[in-house]
């Protein structure tokens, strides 16, 4: 019996350790920073979209970067470097991932760089972290290497300058041109983030409760669109993550839509109340005006009558 209890405690300890290693707090730590940029670059972090205006801006797990006619260089904490080309949308992730089954699972530090559209260059750092360059249709594990990865809404491209790559899915190897603005204009994630940024700017300027809520909804639509793009990835880990992300985004969106509807109803009630108050004020003003007019008319009649009487008395006086 004691051996069985000991085994149970050991298993519980392993599961508890697993929970700690996969805690959200670890995922929230900064993973990189922007070391240079040119032109228009935007970052989606959680449900907030901002334009890059300075070097040194910190990036965290799950952040998404998007360029227009511009470029951005990102340096990771272990010295790895990523250079993002114009009209590209990418996401950076760093975490511990499990492999294996039950108590035989092992954990390893992983970095995933996703290119949703466009082109980027990546060079691995000094750590033993496993690096993956991925797109909606493929995943490439790279070791001690640097290379370009790109996606044009149909095909995945990989051009290695050094080191080795282990592709999963269909990948076209060798030099390739930037997919450019034409690919970006047709990409669901790129367009969603572009629209979300415009809405965020509008909300920031107005400061209205409804605009702010709608801006957050647009940001969540970006997260949902990105997850939908990865749900058919050939890598099981990527697919599972995308499914969970899509479900969470849907749940958050539904909750937010209810809040937006409530805000709209409150606004409508306020407007109706204001209109009612204005109508009441106008009616009161009209009644006051009518009463004033009647009073003025009565006063005028009285004055006329008094004048007539005085005139008559004046006319009668000489006769007597």
C-alpha atoms as a PDB file:
ATOM      1  CA  UNK A   1       0.000   0.000   0.000  1.00  0.00           C
ATOM      2  CA  UNK A   2       2.785   2.441   0.890  1.00  0.00           C
ATOM      3  CA  UNK A   3       4.479   1.877  -2.496  1.00  0.00           C
ATOM      4  CA  UNK A   4       1.218   2.641  -4.270  1.00  0.00           C
ATOM      5  CA  UNK A   5       0.800   5.853  -2.302  1.00  0.00           C
ATOM      6  CA  UNK A   6       4.374   6.804  -3.091  1.00  0.00           C
ATOM      7  CA  UNK A   7       3.740   6.250  -6.803  1.00  0.00           C
ATOM      8  CA  UNK A   8       0.596   8.394  -6.637  1.00  0.00           C
ATOM      9  CA  UNK A   9       2.508  11.233  -4.957  1.00  0.00           C
ATOM     10  CA  UNK A  10       5.228  11.013  -7.592  1.00  0.00           C
ATOM     11  CA  UNK A  11       2.665  11.217 -10.399  1.00  0.00           C
ATOM     12  CA  UNK A  12       0.916  14.150  -8.736  1.00  0.00           C
ATOM     13  CA  UNK A  13       4.255  15.914  -8.415  1.00  0.00           C
ATOM     14  CA  UNK A  14       4.960  15.415 -12.094  1.00  0.00           C
ATOM     15  CA  UNK A  15       1.570  16.808 -13.089  1.00  0.00           C
ATOM     16  CA  UNK A  16       1.990  19.759 -10.736  1.00  0.00           C
ATOM     17  CA  UNK A  17       5.378  20.497 -12.247  1.00  0.00           C
ATOM     18  CA  UNK A  18       3.834  20.342 -15.705  1.00  0.00           C
ATOM     19  CA  UNK A  19       1.227  22.912 -14.705  1.00  0.00           C
ATOM     20  CA  UNK A  20       3.868  25.271 -13.360  1.00  0.00           C
ATOM     21  CA  UNK A  21       6.055  25.019 -16.446  1.00  0.00           C
ATOM     22  CA  UNK A  22       3.104  25.792 -18.709  1.00  0.00           C
ATOM     23  CA  UNK A  23       1.809  28.688 -16.626  1.00  0.00           C
ATOM     24  CA  UNK A  24       0.582  31.797 -18.493  1.00  0.00           C
ATOM     25  CA  UNK A  25       2.955  33.992 -16.484  1.00  0.00           C
ATOM     26  CA  UNK A  26       5.927  32.470 -18.290  1.00  0.00           C
ATOM     27  CA  UNK A  27       4.327  33.161 -21.665  1.00  0.00           C
ATOM     28  CA  UNK A  28       3.777  36.823 -20.752  1.00  0.00           C
ATOM     29  CA  UNK A  29       7.495  37.609 -20.349  1.00  0.00           C
ATOM     30  CA  UNK A  30       9.161  39.814 -22.994  1.00  0.00           C
ATOM     31  CA  UNK A  31      10.804  37.704 -25.700  1.00  0.00           C
ATOM     32  CA  UNK A  32      12.343  40.339 -27.981  1.00  0.00           C
ATOM     33  CA  UNK A  33      12.593  44.023 -28.812  1.00  0.00           C
ATOM     34  CA  UNK A  34      12.527  46.166 -31.933  1.00  0.00           C
ATOM     35  CA  UNK A  35      16.079  47.257 -32.721  1.00  0.00           C
ATOM     36  CA  UNK A  36      15.419  49.192 -35.944  1.00  0.00           C
ATOM     37  CA  UNK A  37      12.556  50.086 -38.268  1.00  0.00           C
ATOM     38  CA  UNK A  38      11.656  52.170 -41.299  1.00  0.00           C
ATOM     39  CA  UNK A  39       8.268  53.249 -42.622  1.00  0.00           C
ATOM     40  CA  UNK A  40       4.946  52.002 -41.282  1.00  0.00           C
ATOM     41  CA  UNK A  41       5.117  49.167 -38.735  1.00  0.00           C
ATOM     42  CA  UNK A  42       2.307  48.108 -36.386  1.00  0.00           C
ATOM     43  CA  UNK A  43       2.101  45.735 -33.445  1.00  0.00           C
ATOM     44  CA  UNK A  44      -0.907  43.831 -32.125  1.00  0.00           C
ATOM     45  CA  UNK A  45      -0.378  42.814 -28.505  1.00  0.00           C
ATOM     46  CA  UNK A  46      -3.332  41.176 -26.733  1.00  0.00           C
ATOM     47  CA  UNK A  47      -6.199  43.286 -28.129  1.00  0.00           C
ATOM     48  CA  UNK A  48      -4.296  46.553 -28.544  1.00  0.00           C
ATOM     49  CA  UNK A  49      -2.839  47.795 -31.823  1.00  0.00           C
ATOM     50  CA  UNK A  50      -0.186  50.501 -31.881  1.00  0.00           C
ATOM     51  CA  UNK A  51       2.182  51.990 -34.434  1.00  0.00           C
ATOM     52  CA  UNK A  52       5.897  51.567 -33.832  1.00  0.00           C
ATOM     53  CA  UNK A  53       7.374  55.003 -33.127  1.00  0.00           C
ATOM     54  CA  UNK A  54      10.664  54.164 -31.416  1.00  0.00           C
ATOM     55  CA  UNK A  55      13.393  51.560 -31.204  1.00  0.00           C
ATOM     56  CA  UNK A  56      13.558  49.416 -28.083  1.00  0.00           C
ATOM     57  CA  UNK A  57       9.846  48.577 -28.055  1.00  0.00           C
ATOM     58  CA  UNK A  58       9.369  45.234 -26.286  1.00  0.00           C
ATOM     59  CA  UNK A  59       7.576  42.256 -27.848  1.00  0.00           C
ATOM     60  CA  UNK A  60       5.940  39.433 -25.889  1.00  0.00           C
ATOM     61  CA  UNK A  61       4.793  35.913 -26.663  1.00  0.00           C
ATOM     62  CA  UNK A  62       1.968  35.982 -29.207  1.00  0.00           C
ATOM     63  CA  UNK A  63       2.565  39.512 -30.496  1.00  0.00           C
ATOM     64  CA  UNK A  64       1.902  40.156 -34.176  1.00  0.00           C
ATOM     65  CA  UNK A  65       3.902  42.529 -36.366  1.00  0.00           C
ATOM     66  CA  UNK A  66       2.741  44.060 -39.632  1.00  0.00           C
ATOM     67  CA  UNK A  67       4.580  46.235 -42.132  1.00  0.00           C
ATOM     68  CA  UNK A  68       3.264  48.371 -44.956  1.00  0.00           C
ATOM     69  CA  UNK A  69       5.852  50.172 -47.065  1.00  0.00           C
ATOM     70  CA  UNK A  70       8.450  49.615 -44.377  1.00  0.00           C
ATOM     71  CA  UNK A  71      10.749  47.140 -42.637  1.00  0.00           C
ATOM     72  CA  UNK A  72      11.494  46.174 -39.039  1.00  0.00           C
ATOM     73  CA  UNK A  73      14.312  44.303 -37.290  1.00  0.00           C
ATOM     74  CA  UNK A  74      13.607  42.310 -34.131  1.00  0.00           C
ATOM     75  CA  UNK A  75      16.296  40.990 -31.778  1.00  0.00           C
ATOM     76  CA  UNK A  76      15.419  38.168 -29.374  1.00  0.00           C
ATOM     77  CA  UNK A  77      16.790  37.719 -25.862  1.00  0.00           C
ATOM     78  CA  UNK A  78      19.195  34.965 -26.988  1.00  0.00           C
ATOM     79  CA  UNK A  79      20.582  37.035 -29.871  1.00  0.00           C
ATOM     80  CA  UNK A  80      18.374  35.585 -32.606  1.00  0.00           C
ATOM     81  CA  UNK A  81      17.429  38.164 -35.232  1.00  0.00           C
ATOM     82  CA  UNK A  82      14.404  38.609 -37.507  1.00  0.00           C
ATOM     83  CA  UNK A  83      14.131  41.123 -40.354  1.00  0.00           C
ATOM     84  CA  UNK A  84      10.635  41.659 -41.712  1.00  0.00           C
ATOM     85  CA  UNK A  85      10.142  42.815 -45.297  1.00  0.00           C
ATOM     86  CA  UNK A  86       7.419  45.233 -46.551  1.00  0.00           C
ATOM     87  CA  UNK A  87       3.763  44.115 -46.635  1.00  0.00           C
ATOM     88  CA  UNK A  88       4.294  41.242 -44.226  1.00  0.00           C
ATOM     89  CA  UNK A  89       2.351  39.967 -41.220  1.00  0.00           C
ATOM     90  CA  UNK A  90       4.157  37.785 -38.689  1.00  0.00           C
ATOM     91  CA  UNK A  91       3.746  36.421 -35.151  1.00  0.00           C
ATOM     92  CA  UNK A  92       6.384  35.525 -32.551  1.00  0.00           C
ATOM     93  CA  UNK A  93       5.923  32.828 -29.886  1.00  0.00           C
ATOM     94  CA  UNK A  94       8.259  31.465 -27.200  1.00  0.00           C
ATOM     95  CA  UNK A  95       7.262  28.788 -24.703  1.00  0.00           C
ATOM     96  CA  UNK A  96       7.817  25.290 -23.379  1.00  0.00           C
ATOM     97  CA  UNK A  97       6.226  22.525 -25.450  1.00  0.00           C
ATOM     98  CA  UNK A  98       5.581  18.942 -24.425  1.00  0.00           C
ATOM     99  CA  UNK A  99       6.448  15.864 -26.443  1.00  0.00           C
ATOM    100  CA  UNK A 100       5.680  12.252 -25.657  1.00  0.00           C
ATOM    101  CA  UNK A 101       2.925  10.574 -23.680  1.00  0.00           C
ATOM    102  CA  UNK A 102       1.743  10.648 -20.018  1.00  0.00           C
ATOM    103  CA  UNK A 103       4.649  10.456 -17.532  1.00  0.00           C
ATOM    104  CA  UNK A 104       7.102   9.990 -20.396  1.00  0.00           C
ATOM    105  CA  UNK A 105       6.487  13.526 -21.694  1.00  0.00           C
ATOM    106  CA  UNK A 106       9.494  15.770 -22.126  1.00  0.00           C
ATOM    107  CA  UNK A 107       9.583  19.553 -22.344  1.00  0.00           C
ATOM    108  CA  UNK A 108      11.711  21.759 -24.508  1.00  0.00           C
ATOM    109  CA  UNK A 109      12.076  25.476 -25.138  1.00  0.00           C
ATOM    110  CA  UNK A 110      10.578  26.412 -28.497  1.00  0.00           C
ATOM    111  CA  UNK A 111      10.375  29.568 -30.613  1.00  0.00           C
ATOM    112  CA  UNK A 112       7.853  29.777 -33.433  1.00  0.00           C
ATOM    113  CA  UNK A 113       7.963  32.540 -36.038  1.00  0.00           C
ATOM    114  CA  UNK A 114       4.869  32.554 -38.238  1.00  0.00           C
ATOM    115  CA  UNK A 115       4.656  34.321 -41.586  1.00  0.00           C
ATOM    116  CA  UNK A 116       0.983  34.818 -42.524  1.00  0.00           C
ATOM    117  CA  UNK A 117       1.884  36.688 -45.709  1.00  0.00           C
ATOM    118  CA  UNK A 118       5.008  38.352 -47.094  1.00  0.00           C
ATOM    119  CA  UNK A 119       8.661  37.586 -46.435  1.00  0.00           C
ATOM    120  CA  UNK A 120      11.120  37.664 -43.520  1.00  0.00           C
ATOM    121  CA  UNK A 121      14.682  36.647 -42.706  1.00  0.00           C
ATOM    122  CA  UNK A 122      15.539  34.813 -39.486  1.00  0.00           C
ATOM    123  CA  UNK A 123      18.833  33.848 -37.867  1.00  0.00           C
ATOM    124  CA  UNK A 124      18.900  31.567 -34.829  1.00  0.00           C
ATOM    125  CA  UNK A 125      20.478  32.690 -31.530  1.00  0.00           C
ATOM    126  CA  UNK A 126      22.977  31.303 -29.038  1.00  0.00           C
ATOM    127  CA  UNK A 127      20.492  29.303 -26.916  1.00  0.00           C
ATOM    128  CA  UNK A 128      19.526  25.684 -27.466  1.00  0.00           C
ATOM    129  CA  UNK A 129      15.938  26.765 -28.131  1.00  0.00           C
ATOM    130  CA  UNK A 130      14.306  24.894 -31.004  1.00  0.00           C
ATOM    131  CA  UNK A 131      13.329  27.306 -33.792  1.00  0.00           C
ATOM    132  CA  UNK A 132      10.452  26.864 -36.226  1.00  0.00           C
ATOM    133  CA  UNK A 133       9.678  29.038 -39.232  1.00  0.00           C
ATOM    134  CA  UNK A 134       6.079  28.420 -40.228  1.00  0.00           C
ATOM    135  CA  UNK A 135       3.237  29.531 -42.495  1.00  0.00           C
ATOM    136  CA  UNK A 136      -0.397  28.434 -42.787  1.00  0.00           C
ATOM    137  CA  UNK A 137       0.671  25.506 -44.989  1.00  0.00           C
ATOM    138  CA  UNK A 138       4.067  24.384 -43.644  1.00  0.00           C
ATOM    139  CA  UNK A 139       6.481  24.267 -40.699  1.00  0.00           C
ATOM    140  CA  UNK A 140      10.277  24.253 -41.005  1.00  0.00           C
ATOM    141  CA  UNK A 141      12.432  23.327 -38.034  1.00  0.00           C
ATOM    142  CA  UNK A 142      15.845  24.978 -38.386  1.00  0.00           C
ATOM    143  CA  UNK A 143      19.139  24.361 -36.600  1.00  0.00           C
ATOM    144  CA  UNK A 144      22.119  26.736 -36.310  1.00  0.00           C
ATOM    145  CA  UNK A 145      21.015  28.498 -39.417  1.00  0.00           C
ATOM    146  CA  UNK A 146      19.611  31.549 -41.145  1.00  0.00           C
ATOM    147  CA  UNK A 147      17.263  31.912 -44.063  1.00  0.00           C
ATOM    148  CA  UNK A 148      14.225  33.556 -45.653  1.00  0.00           C
ATOM    149  CA  UNK A 149      10.681  32.285 -45.269  1.00  0.00           C
ATOM    150  CA  UNK A 150       7.685  33.578 -47.199  1.00  0.00           C
ATOM    151  CA  UNK A 151       4.043  32.948 -48.020  1.00  0.00           C
ATOM    152  CA  UNK A 152       1.914  34.318 -50.879  1.00  0.00           C
ATOM    153  CA  UNK A 153      -1.538  32.981 -49.822  1.00  0.00           C
ATOM    154  CA  UNK A 154      -0.898  29.759 -51.727  1.00  0.00           C
ATOM    155  CA  UNK A 155       2.692  28.544 -51.422  1.00  0.00           C
ATOM    156  CA  UNK A 156       5.375  28.451 -48.728  1.00  0.00           C
ATOM    157  CA  UNK A 157       8.933  29.415 -49.694  1.00  0.00           C
ATOM    158  CA  UNK A 158      12.213  28.803 -47.861  1.00  0.00           C
ATOM    159  CA  UNK A 159      15.681  29.972 -48.870  1.00  0.00           C
ATOM    160  CA  UNK A 160      18.433  28.779 -46.519  1.00  0.00           C
ATOM    161  CA  UNK A 161      21.773  30.626 -46.408  1.00  0.00           C
ATOM    162  CA  UNK A 162      23.345  28.345 -43.802  1.00  0.00           C
ATOM    163  CA  UNK A 163      22.468  25.411 -41.571  1.00  0.00           C
ATOM    164  CA  UNK A 164      19.717  22.830 -42.050  1.00  0.00           C
ATOM    165  CA  UNK A 165      15.933  22.755 -42.188  1.00  0.00           C
ATOM    166  CA  UNK A 166      13.368  19.999 -41.625  1.00  0.00           C
ATOM    167  CA  UNK A 167      10.215  20.967 -43.560  1.00  0.00           C
ATOM    168  CA  UNK A 168       6.762  19.589 -42.783  1.00  0.00           C
ATOM    169  CA  UNK A 169       4.330  20.276 -45.603  1.00  0.00           C
ATOM    170  CA  UNK A 170       4.942  21.452 -49.152  1.00  0.00           C
ATOM    171  CA  UNK A 171       7.798  23.989 -49.326  1.00  0.00           C
ATOM    172  CA  UNK A 172       9.467  25.529 -52.383  1.00  0.00           C
ATOM    173  CA  UNK A 173      13.204  25.731 -51.696  1.00  0.00           C
ATOM    174  CA  UNK A 174      15.499  28.411 -53.096  1.00  0.00           C
ATOM    175  CA  UNK A 175      15.452  32.136 -53.772  1.00  0.00           C
ATOM    176  CA  UNK A 176      12.063  33.838 -54.089  1.00  0.00           C
ATOM    177  CA  UNK A 177      10.788  37.391 -54.612  1.00  0.00           C
ATOM    178  CA  UNK A 178       8.789  39.337 -52.031  1.00  0.00           C
ATOM    179  CA  UNK A 179       5.086  38.460 -52.385  1.00  0.00           C
ATOM    180  CA  UNK A 180       4.499  42.205 -51.960  1.00  0.00           C
ATOM    181  CA  UNK A 181       1.411  44.379 -51.748  1.00  0.00           C
ATOM    182  CA  UNK A 182      -0.660  42.278 -54.155  1.00  0.00           C
ATOM    183  CA  UNK A 183      -0.481  39.249 -51.820  1.00  0.00           C
ATOM    184  CA  UNK A 184      -1.073  41.391 -48.724  1.00  0.00           C
ATOM    185  CA  UNK A 185      -4.210  42.928 -50.253  1.00  0.00           C
ATOM    186  CA  UNK A 186      -5.732  39.447 -50.614  1.00  0.00           C
ATOM    187  CA  UNK A 187      -4.678  38.100 -47.210  1.00  0.00           C
ATOM    188  CA  UNK A 188      -7.380  37.775 -44.514  1.00  0.00           C
ATOM    189  CA  UNK A 189      -5.022  38.377 -41.580  1.00  0.00           C
ATOM    190  CA  UNK A 190      -3.300  41.362 -43.183  1.00  0.00           C
ATOM    191  CA  UNK A 191      -6.607  43.045 -44.062  1.00  0.00           C
ATOM    192  CA  UNK A 192      -8.095  42.329 -40.625  1.00  0.00           C
ATOM    193  CA  UNK A 193      -5.141  43.936 -38.855  1.00  0.00           C
ATOM    194  CA  UNK A 194      -5.196  46.928 -41.201  1.00  0.00           C
ATOM    195  CA  UNK A 195      -8.923  47.494 -40.513  1.00  0.00           C
ATOM    196  CA  UNK A 196      -8.401  47.013 -36.778  1.00  0.00           C
ATOM    197  CA  UNK A 197      -5.689  49.671 -36.717  1.00  0.00           C
ATOM    198  CA  UNK A 198      -7.928  52.195 -38.501  1.00  0.00           C
ATOM    199  CA  UNK A 199     -10.712  51.502 -35.995  1.00  0.00           C
ATOM    200  CA  UNK A 200      -8.265  51.836 -33.089  1.00  0.00           C
ATOM    201  CA  UNK A 201      -7.185  55.256 -34.391  1.00  0.00           C
ATOM    202  CA  UNK A 202     -10.806  56.384 -34.647  1.00  0.00           C
ATOM    203  CA  UNK A 203     -11.547  55.175 -31.122  1.00  0.00           C
ATOM    204  CA  UNK A 204      -8.471  56.899 -29.740  1.00  0.00           C
ATOM    205  CA  UNK A 205      -9.532  60.204 -31.278  1.00  0.00           C
ATOM    206  CA  UNK A 206     -13.181  60.044 -30.157  1.00  0.00           C
ATOM    207  CA  UNK A 207     -12.629  58.376 -26.772  1.00  0.00           C
ATOM    208  CA  UNK A 208     -16.204  57.141 -26.953  1.00  0.00           C
ATOM    209  CA  UNK A 209     -17.126  53.981 -25.073  1.00  0.00           C
ATOM    210  CA  UNK A 210     -18.775  52.417 -28.138  1.00  0.00           C
ATOM    211  CA  UNK A 211     -15.827  53.159 -30.443  1.00  0.00           C
ATOM    212  CA  UNK A 212     -13.354  51.706 -27.928  1.00  0.00           C
ATOM    213  CA  UNK A 213     -15.385  48.494 -27.597  1.00  0.00           C
ATOM    214  CA  UNK A 214     -15.716  48.144 -31.373  1.00  0.00           C
ATOM    215  CA  UNK A 215     -11.956  48.697 -31.765  1.00  0.00           C
ATOM    216  CA  UNK A 216     -11.284  45.849 -29.333  1.00  0.00           C
ATOM    217  CA  UNK A 217     -13.671  43.639 -31.303  1.00  0.00           C
ATOM    218  CA  UNK A 218     -11.735  44.386 -34.496  1.00  0.00           C
ATOM    219  CA  UNK A 219      -8.499  43.367 -32.750  1.00  0.00           C
ATOM    220  CA  UNK A 220     -10.067  40.088 -31.649  1.00  0.00           C
ATOM    221  CA  UNK A 221     -11.117  39.479 -35.255  1.00  0.00           C
ATOM    222  CA  UNK A 222      -7.431  39.642 -36.213  1.00  0.00           C
ATOM    223  CA  UNK A 223      -6.598  36.958 -33.643  1.00  0.00           C
ATOM    224  CA  UNK A 224      -9.477  34.835 -34.904  1.00  0.00           C
ATOM    225  CA  UNK A 225      -8.450  35.262 -38.554  1.00  0.00           C
ATOM    226  CA  UNK A 226      -4.874  34.256 -37.726  1.00  0.00           C
ATOM    227  CA  UNK A 227      -6.053  31.163 -35.868  1.00  0.00           C
ATOM    228  CA  UNK A 228      -8.351  30.173 -38.732  1.00  0.00           C
ATOM    229  CA  UNK A 229      -5.412  30.375 -41.155  1.00  0.00           C
ATOM    230  CA  UNK A 230      -3.398  27.899 -39.064  1.00  0.00           C
ATOM    231  CA  UNK A 231      -6.155  25.373 -38.345  1.00  0.00           C
ATOM    232  CA  UNK A 232      -5.213  23.285 -41.403  1.00  0.00           C
ATOM    233  CA  UNK A 233      -1.453  23.362 -40.829  1.00  0.00           C
ATOM    234  CA  UNK A 234       0.243  19.956 -41.337  1.00  0.00           C
ATOM    235  CA  UNK A 235       1.874  20.172 -37.872  1.00  0.00           C
ATOM    236  CA  UNK A 236      -0.343  18.764 -35.100  1.00  0.00           C
ATOM    237  CA  UNK A 237       0.938  21.191 -32.463  1.00  0.00           C
ATOM    238  CA  UNK A 238       0.194  24.196 -34.677  1.00  0.00           C
ATOM    239  CA  UNK A 239      -3.277  22.866 -35.518  1.00  0.00           C
ATOM    240  CA  UNK A 240      -4.178  22.221 -31.878  1.00  0.00           C
ATOM    241  CA  UNK A 241      -2.966  25.663 -30.789  1.00  0.00           C
ATOM    242  CA  UNK A 242      -4.913  27.311 -33.603  1.00  0.00           C
ATOM    243  CA  UNK A 243      -8.092  25.453 -32.651  1.00  0.00           C
ATOM    244  CA  UNK A 244      -7.828  26.570 -29.017  1.00  0.00           C
ATOM    245  CA  UNK A 245      -6.992  30.146 -30.058  1.00  0.00           C
ATOM    246  CA  UNK A 246      -9.970  30.273 -32.425  1.00  0.00           C
ATOM    247  CA  UNK A 247     -12.350  28.983 -29.734  1.00  0.00           C
ATOM    248  CA  UNK A 248     -11.081  31.546 -27.213  1.00  0.00           C
ATOM    249  CA  UNK A 249     -11.300  34.373 -29.748  1.00  0.00           C
ATOM    250  CA  UNK A 250     -14.877  33.367 -30.619  1.00  0.00           C
ATOM    251  CA  UNK A 251     -15.859  33.304 -26.961  1.00  0.00           C
ATOM    252  CA  UNK A 252     -14.269  36.692 -26.286  1.00  0.00           C
ATOM    253  CA  UNK A 253     -15.890  38.145 -29.407  1.00  0.00           C
ATOM    254  CA  UNK A 254     -19.347  36.914 -28.445  1.00  0.00           C
ATOM    255  CA  UNK A 255     -19.001  38.409 -24.962  1.00  0.00           C
ATOM    256  CA  UNK A 256     -17.769  41.690 -26.407  1.00  0.00           C
ATOM    257  CA  UNK A 257     -20.587  41.824 -28.957  1.00  0.00           C
ATOM    258  CA  UNK A 258     -23.083  41.546 -26.104  1.00  0.00           C
ATOM    259  CA  UNK A 259     -21.359  44.447 -24.356  1.00  0.00           C
ATOM    260  CA  UNK A 260     -21.448  46.482 -27.585  1.00  0.00           C
ATOM    261  CA  UNK A 261     -25.157  45.785 -27.982  1.00  0.00           C
ATOM    262  CA  UNK A 262     -25.743  46.893 -24.396  1.00  0.00           C
ATOM    263  CA  UNK A 263     -23.783  50.103 -25.006  1.00  0.00           C
ATOM    264  CA  UNK A 264     -25.869  50.783 -28.124  1.00  0.00           C
ATOM    265  CA  UNK A 265     -29.119  50.242 -26.212  1.00  0.00           C
ATOM    266  CA  UNK A 266     -27.959  52.556 -23.431  1.00  0.00           C
ATOM    267  CA  UNK A 267     -27.029  55.168 -26.022  1.00  0.00           C
ATOM    268  CA  UNK A 268     -30.421  54.824 -27.712  1.00  0.00           C
ATOM    269  CA  UNK A 269     -32.210  55.217 -24.362  1.00  0.00           C
ATOM    270  CA  UNK A 270     -30.184  58.345 -23.610  1.00  0.00           C
ATOM    271  CA  UNK A 271     -30.971  59.822 -27.034  1.00  0.00           C
ATOM    272  CA  UNK A 272     -34.690  59.057 -26.621  1.00  0.00           C
ATOM    273  CA  UNK A 273     -34.648  60.670 -23.188  1.00  0.00           C
ATOM    274  CA  UNK A 274     -32.873  63.747 -24.577  1.00  0.00           C
ATOM    275  CA  UNK A 275     -35.396  64.043 -27.429  1.00  0.00           C
ATOM    276  CA  UNK A 276     -38.268  63.732 -24.973  1.00  0.00           C
ATOM    277  CA  UNK A 277     -36.737  66.457 -22.791  1.00  0.00           C
ATOM    278  CA  UNK A 278     -36.291  68.721 -25.813  1.00  0.00           C
ATOM    279  CA  UNK A 279     -39.924  68.208 -26.882  1.00  0.00           C
ATOM    280  CA  UNK A 280     -41.162  68.965 -23.367  1.00  0.00           C
ATOM    281  CA  UNK A 281     -38.990  72.076 -23.286  1.00  0.00           C
ATOM    282  CA  UNK A 282     -40.355  73.243 -26.630  1.00  0.00           C
ATOM    283  CA  UNK A 283     -43.973  72.666 -25.538  1.00  0.00           C
ATOM    284  CA  UNK A 284     -43.368  74.591 -22.306  1.00  0.00           C
ATOM    285  CA  UNK A 285     -41.786  77.411 -24.284  1.00  0.00           C
ATOM    286  CA  UNK A 286     -44.730  77.545 -26.677  1.00  0.00           C
ATOM    287  CA  UNK A 287     -47.260  77.596 -23.809  1.00  0.00           C
ATOM    288  CA  UNK A 288     -45.316  80.400 -22.099  1.00  0.00           C
ATOM    289  CA  UNK A 289     -45.223  82.320 -25.365  1.00  0.00           C
ATOM    290  CA  UNK A 290     -49.004  81.893 -25.858  1.00  0.00           C
ATOM    291  CA  UNK A 291     -49.738  83.027 -22.321  1.00  0.00           C
ATOM    292  CA  UNK A 292     -47.469  86.048 -22.781  1.00  0.00           C
ATOM    293  CA  UNK A 293     -49.211  86.886 -26.042  1.00  0.00           C
ATOM    294  CA  UNK A 294     -52.657  86.611 -24.453  1.00  0.00           C
ATOM    295  CA  UNK A 295     -51.530  88.791 -21.529  1.00  0.00           C
ATOM    296  CA  UNK A 296     -50.126  91.375 -23.904  1.00  0.00           C
ATOM    297  CA  UNK A 297     -53.323  91.374 -25.945  1.00  0.00           C
ATOM    298  CA  UNK A 298     -55.464  91.792 -22.825  1.00  0.00           C
ATOM    299  CA  UNK A 299     -53.265  94.620 -21.599  1.00  0.00           C
ATOM    300  CA  UNK A 300     -53.506  96.318 -24.979  1.00  0.00           C
ATOM    301  CA  UNK A 301     -57.317  96.038 -24.999  1.00  0.00           C
ATOM    302  CA  UNK A 302     -57.507  97.485 -21.513  1.00  0.00           C
ATOM    303  CA  UNK A 303     -55.266 100.358 -22.481  1.00  0.00           C
ATOM    304  CA  UNK A 304     -57.379 101.097 -25.572  1.00  0.00           C
ATOM    305  CA  UNK A 305     -60.580 101.052 -23.520  1.00  0.00           C
ATOM    306  CA  UNK A 306     -59.094 103.444 -20.973  1.00  0.00           C
ATOM    307  CA  UNK A 307     -57.979 105.834 -23.699  1.00  0.00           C
ATOM    308  CA  UNK A 308     -61.426 105.797 -25.286  1.00  0.00           C
ATOM    309  CA  UNK A 309     -63.119 106.610 -21.973  1.00  0.00           C
ATOM    310  CA  UNK A 310     -60.766 109.494 -21.279  1.00  0.00           C
ATOM    311  CA  UNK A 311     -61.400 110.850 -24.744  1.00  0.00           C
ATOM    312  CA  UNK A 312     -65.148 110.741 -24.246  1.00  0.00           C
ATOM    313  CA  UNK A 313     -64.891 112.578 -20.943  1.00  0.00           C
ATOM    314  CA  UNK A 314     -62.767 115.262 -22.534  1.00  0.00           C
ATOM    315  CA  UNK A 315     -65.266 115.723 -25.384  1.00  0.00           C
ATOM    316  CA  UNK A 316     -68.279 116.046 -23.011  1.00  0.00           C
ATOM    317  CA  UNK A 317     -66.671 118.620 -20.721  1.00  0.00           C
ATOM    318  CA  UNK A 318     -67.020 121.763 -22.987  1.00  0.00           C
ATOM    319  CA  UNK A 319     -70.766 121.130 -23.587  1.00  0.00           C
ATOM    320  CA  UNK A 320     -71.572 121.531 -19.980  1.00  0.00           C
END
